[in-house]
């Protein structure tokens, strides 16, 4: 598909997008009282098994798990960071490790800097995807401090292609150095920021998420193909997982 000429601000300024799960009329997962049996894990355990999906997400765990969890999240969303800190460790230890639940994270843009964070965060592929994601979530306070310190004229520099704008955000907020400290050489990070095909894929993923699941806020959780109502943290998500048979 052709990338919109002003992808970054257009996607970031979606009228209904926001960093918090909103109530809607989507279906919740059907109850399933038959709990799935544990599945034998490969060497290293299921939580070390990470693959990229055809939809552009990154899946941790057993790809054939009977309960499939998808999170649409933003790397600049405080609610996503809270879930990453409080919920993901429990999800991994109690559900993904057993092979009964797979966990797929799909990046969703809600703020102008998100495209830059996604491009460098995905740059090394599956091997470092979740560690870098976790560390970006944990680093949100520092990112916000850098954002607030930008001069008022910074917005005027955001001209050119989406790749040009993403690079300016990455330079301004230190994303290139951030991933550089985590095994992504600067030249590789800059190449990822300039990757127009990756930007097209992110744009397509945004379109698909809204068409298929009406995603308009983060975090949004999908269990076995059904959007979960009013789930935005571990306390509200775990009952839905159990209801689905986890």
Protein backbone atom coordinates (compact mmCIF):
# COMPACT_ATOMS: atom_id res chain seq x y z
CA UNK A 1 0.00 0.00 0.00
CA UNK A 2 1.07 3.58 -0.44
CA UNK A 3 2.04 5.35 2.78
CA UNK A 4 0.03 8.50 3.51
CA UNK A 5 2.16 11.57 2.92
CA UNK A 6 1.88 12.71 6.53
CA UNK A 7 1.67 9.38 8.31
CA UNK A 8 3.13 10.25 11.71
CA UNK A 9 0.84 13.08 12.82
CA UNK A 10 -2.19 11.67 11.04
CA UNK A 11 -1.96 8.33 12.82
CA UNK A 12 -1.07 9.98 16.12
CA UNK A 13 -4.02 12.36 15.95
CA UNK A 14 -6.69 9.76 15.24
CA UNK A 15 -9.86 11.25 16.64
CA UNK A 16 -10.75 8.22 18.74
CA UNK A 17 -7.29 6.99 19.65
CA UNK A 18 -6.11 7.27 23.21
CA UNK A 19 -4.07 5.71 25.96
CA UNK A 20 -6.71 3.89 27.95
CA UNK A 21 -9.11 1.12 27.18
CA UNK A 22 -12.62 2.43 26.54
CA UNK A 23 -15.90 0.58 26.91
CA UNK A 24 -17.52 -0.50 23.65
CA UNK A 25 -19.99 -2.99 22.24
CA UNK A 26 -17.47 -5.62 21.16
CA UNK A 27 -17.89 -9.24 22.13
CA UNK A 28 -16.13 -10.74 25.11
CA UNK A 29 -14.54 -14.19 24.94
CA UNK A 30 -16.98 -17.02 25.25
CA UNK A 31 -16.80 -18.88 28.51
CA UNK A 32 -14.79 -22.06 28.42
CA UNK A 33 -14.80 -24.14 31.55
CA UNK A 34 -12.48 -26.83 30.17
CA UNK A 35 -9.00 -25.71 31.16
CA UNK A 36 -6.35 -26.57 28.61
CA UNK A 37 -3.72 -29.10 29.60
CA UNK A 38 -0.10 -28.01 29.95
CA UNK A 39 1.99 -28.38 26.80
CA UNK A 40 5.56 -29.64 26.85
CA UNK A 41 7.91 -26.70 26.31
CA UNK A 42 10.90 -26.73 23.96
CA UNK A 43 14.44 -26.18 25.21
CA UNK A 44 14.63 -22.80 26.92
CA UNK A 45 10.92 -22.73 27.73
CA UNK A 46 7.96 -21.16 25.98
CA UNK A 47 8.68 -17.64 27.19
CA UNK A 48 11.92 -17.71 25.18
CA UNK A 49 10.11 -18.62 21.97
CA UNK A 50 9.37 -15.41 20.04
CA UNK A 51 8.28 -15.19 16.41
CA UNK A 52 6.96 -12.45 14.17
CA UNK A 53 3.41 -13.02 12.96
CA UNK A 54 1.95 -12.45 9.52
CA UNK A 55 -0.05 -9.55 11.00
CA UNK A 56 3.12 -7.72 12.05
CA UNK A 57 3.03 -8.55 15.75
CA UNK A 58 5.52 -10.45 17.88
CA UNK A 59 4.28 -13.63 19.52
CA UNK A 60 5.75 -15.10 22.68
CA UNK A 61 5.07 -18.70 23.59
CA UNK A 62 3.40 -21.69 22.02
CA UNK A 63 2.09 -20.66 18.58
CA UNK A 64 -0.50 -23.44 18.87
CA UNK A 65 -1.66 -22.45 22.34
CA UNK A 66 -5.42 -22.96 22.82
CA UNK A 67 -5.77 -19.45 24.26
CA UNK A 68 -4.36 -16.70 22.08
CA UNK A 69 -3.93 -13.25 23.63
CA UNK A 70 -3.15 -10.16 21.55
CA UNK A 71 -2.35 -6.78 23.04
CA UNK A 72 -2.51 -3.62 20.95
CA UNK A 73 -0.24 -1.27 22.85
CA UNK A 74 1.62 2.01 22.54
CA UNK A 75 5.19 2.44 23.74
CA UNK A 76 4.28 5.91 25.07
CA UNK A 77 1.07 4.86 26.87
CA UNK A 78 1.26 4.89 30.70
CA UNK A 79 -1.50 2.29 31.00
CA UNK A 80 0.47 -0.02 28.69
CA UNK A 81 3.57 0.56 30.80
CA UNK A 82 1.63 -0.31 33.94
CA UNK A 83 0.42 -3.55 32.37
CA UNK A 84 3.93 -4.35 31.16
CA UNK A 85 5.31 -3.88 34.67
CA UNK A 86 2.55 -5.52 36.71
CA UNK A 87 0.74 -7.87 34.35
CA UNK A 88 3.26 -9.25 31.87
CA UNK A 89 5.48 -11.00 34.46
CA UNK A 90 2.41 -12.80 35.89
CA UNK A 91 1.13 -13.57 32.40
CA UNK A 92 4.47 -15.08 31.39
CA UNK A 93 5.04 -17.10 34.55
CA UNK A 94 1.50 -18.33 35.09
CA UNK A 95 0.15 -18.77 31.58
CA UNK A 96 2.65 -18.44 28.71
CA UNK A 97 5.23 -20.72 30.37
CA UNK A 98 2.66 -23.53 30.53
CA UNK A 99 2.10 -23.45 26.77
CA UNK A 100 -1.62 -22.82 27.30
CA UNK A 101 -1.53 -19.12 26.36
CA UNK A 102 0.38 -17.28 23.65
CA UNK A 103 0.98 -13.54 24.00
CA UNK A 104 1.29 -11.38 20.90
CA UNK A 105 2.12 -7.67 21.10
CA UNK A 106 1.09 -5.46 18.19
CA UNK A 107 2.35 -1.89 18.17
CA UNK A 108 -0.31 0.82 17.94
CA UNK A 109 0.46 4.52 17.43
CA UNK A 110 -1.24 7.12 19.60
CA UNK A 111 1.47 9.81 19.91
CA UNK A 112 3.71 11.39 17.24
CA UNK A 113 6.91 9.83 18.62
CA UNK A 114 5.53 6.30 18.53
CA UNK A 115 6.58 5.55 14.95
CA UNK A 116 10.23 6.21 15.77
CA UNK A 117 10.05 4.04 18.89
CA UNK A 118 8.44 1.20 16.94
CA UNK A 119 10.93 1.28 14.08
CA UNK A 120 14.00 1.10 16.32
CA UNK A 121 12.27 -1.20 18.82
CA UNK A 122 11.58 -3.78 16.11
CA UNK A 123 14.93 -3.28 14.42
CA UNK A 124 16.66 -6.42 15.73
CA UNK A 125 13.64 -8.62 15.14
CA UNK A 126 12.29 -11.30 17.49
CA UNK A 127 15.50 -11.87 19.44
CA UNK A 128 15.38 -8.53 21.28
CA UNK A 129 11.80 -7.42 20.68
CA UNK A 130 10.37 -8.04 24.14
CA UNK A 131 13.43 -6.96 26.18
CA UNK A 132 13.56 -3.64 24.30
CA UNK A 133 9.79 -3.23 24.56
CA UNK A 134 9.90 -3.82 28.33
CA UNK A 135 12.74 -1.33 28.75
CA UNK A 136 11.02 1.32 26.62
CA UNK A 137 7.91 0.95 28.76
CA UNK A 138 9.97 1.28 31.92
CA UNK A 139 11.75 4.35 30.50
CA UNK A 140 8.61 6.38 29.82
CA UNK A 141 9.30 8.95 32.55
CA UNK A 142 12.68 9.77 31.03
CA UNK A 143 11.11 9.98 27.57
CA UNK A 144 8.47 12.40 28.84
CA UNK A 145 11.14 14.56 30.47
CA UNK A 146 12.99 14.76 27.16
CA UNK A 147 9.75 15.54 25.37
CA UNK A 148 8.97 18.39 27.74
CA UNK A 149 12.47 19.78 27.29
CA UNK A 150 12.13 20.11 23.51
CA UNK A 151 12.07 23.71 22.27
CA UNK A 152 8.73 25.09 21.07
CA UNK A 153 10.18 25.28 17.57
CA UNK A 154 10.74 21.52 17.35
CA UNK A 155 7.36 20.87 15.72
CA UNK A 156 8.40 23.20 12.89
CA UNK A 157 11.24 20.83 12.02
CA UNK A 158 8.89 17.90 11.41
CA UNK A 159 8.83 18.17 7.65
CA UNK A 160 9.59 15.69 4.91
CA UNK A 161 8.64 12.04 4.66
CA UNK A 162 7.38 9.90 7.55
CA UNK A 163 10.87 8.38 7.72
CA UNK A 164 12.42 11.85 8.00
CA UNK A 165 10.04 12.77 10.80
CA UNK A 166 10.63 9.48 12.63
CA UNK A 167 14.38 10.07 12.48
CA UNK A 168 13.98 13.55 13.95
CA UNK A 169 11.91 12.15 16.81
CA UNK A 170 14.45 9.39 17.40
CA UNK A 171 17.29 11.89 17.54
CA UNK A 172 15.41 14.30 19.77
CA UNK A 173 14.30 11.69 22.31
CA UNK A 174 17.47 9.60 22.29
CA UNK A 175 15.92 6.45 20.84
CA UNK A 176 18.96 5.74 18.68
CA UNK A 177 21.26 5.78 21.72
CA UNK A 178 18.68 3.84 23.75
CA UNK A 179 18.63 0.85 21.39
CA UNK A 180 22.35 1.26 20.77
CA UNK A 181 22.93 0.39 24.42
CA UNK A 182 20.84 -2.73 23.82
CA UNK A 183 22.64 -4.21 20.85
CA UNK A 184 21.37 -2.20 17.86
CA UNK A 185 24.25 -0.38 16.10
CA UNK A 186 23.54 3.23 15.15
CA UNK A 187 23.83 2.53 11.42
CA UNK A 188 21.28 -0.27 11.71
CA UNK A 189 18.90 1.88 13.77
CA UNK A 190 19.07 4.67 11.19
CA UNK A 191 18.44 2.17 8.40
CA UNK A 192 15.36 0.92 10.25
CA UNK A 193 14.10 4.49 10.65
CA UNK A 194 14.46 4.97 6.89
CA UNK A 195 12.70 1.71 5.98
CA UNK A 196 9.66 2.79 3.98
CA UNK A 197 8.40 -0.81 3.69
CA UNK A 198 8.36 -1.13 7.47
CA UNK A 199 6.44 2.15 7.71
CA UNK A 200 3.94 0.89 5.13
CA UNK A 201 3.49 -2.30 7.17
CA UNK A 202 2.84 -0.32 10.36
CA UNK A 203 0.28 1.80 8.53
CA UNK A 204 -1.43 -1.34 7.23
CA UNK A 205 -1.44 -2.86 10.71
CA UNK A 206 -3.12 0.28 12.07
CA UNK A 207 -5.78 0.08 9.38
CA UNK A 208 -6.34 -3.63 10.00
CA UNK A 209 -6.65 -3.17 13.76
CA UNK A 210 -9.39 -0.60 13.34
CA UNK A 211 -11.21 -2.49 10.58
CA UNK A 212 -11.14 -5.89 12.28
CA UNK A 213 -11.31 -5.03 15.98
CA UNK A 214 -12.26 -1.34 16.14
CA UNK A 215 -9.12 -0.60 18.15
CA UNK A 216 -9.18 3.04 19.23
CA UNK A 217 -7.26 3.07 22.49
CA UNK A 218 -4.46 1.31 24.30
CA UNK A 219 -4.12 -1.18 25.72
CA UNK A 220 -6.72 -3.18 23.82
CA UNK A 221 -6.80 -6.94 24.40
CA UNK A 222 -8.04 -9.63 22.02
CA UNK A 223 -8.60 -13.21 23.23
CA UNK A 224 -9.17 -15.91 20.62
CA UNK A 225 -10.28 -13.32 18.09
CA UNK A 226 -12.67 -11.44 20.38
CA UNK A 227 -12.08 -7.95 21.75
CA UNK A 228 -12.30 -7.91 25.55
CA UNK A 229 -14.60 -5.27 27.05
CA UNK A 230 -13.26 -3.01 29.78
CA UNK A 231 -9.90 -4.76 30.21
CA UNK A 232 -6.99 -2.39 30.70
CA UNK A 233 -4.83 -4.00 33.41
CA UNK A 234 -4.00 -7.42 34.85
CA UNK A 235 -6.87 -7.38 37.35
CA UNK A 236 -9.41 -6.91 34.56
CA UNK A 237 -7.68 -9.14 32.00
CA UNK A 238 -6.96 -12.28 34.04
CA UNK A 239 -10.64 -13.19 34.59
CA UNK A 240 -11.19 -13.04 30.83
CA UNK A 241 -8.22 -15.36 30.26
CA UNK A 242 -9.60 -17.82 32.79
CA UNK A 243 -13.03 -17.61 31.20
CA UNK A 244 -11.45 -18.53 27.87
CA UNK A 245 -9.92 -21.65 29.41
CA UNK A 246 -6.45 -20.52 30.46
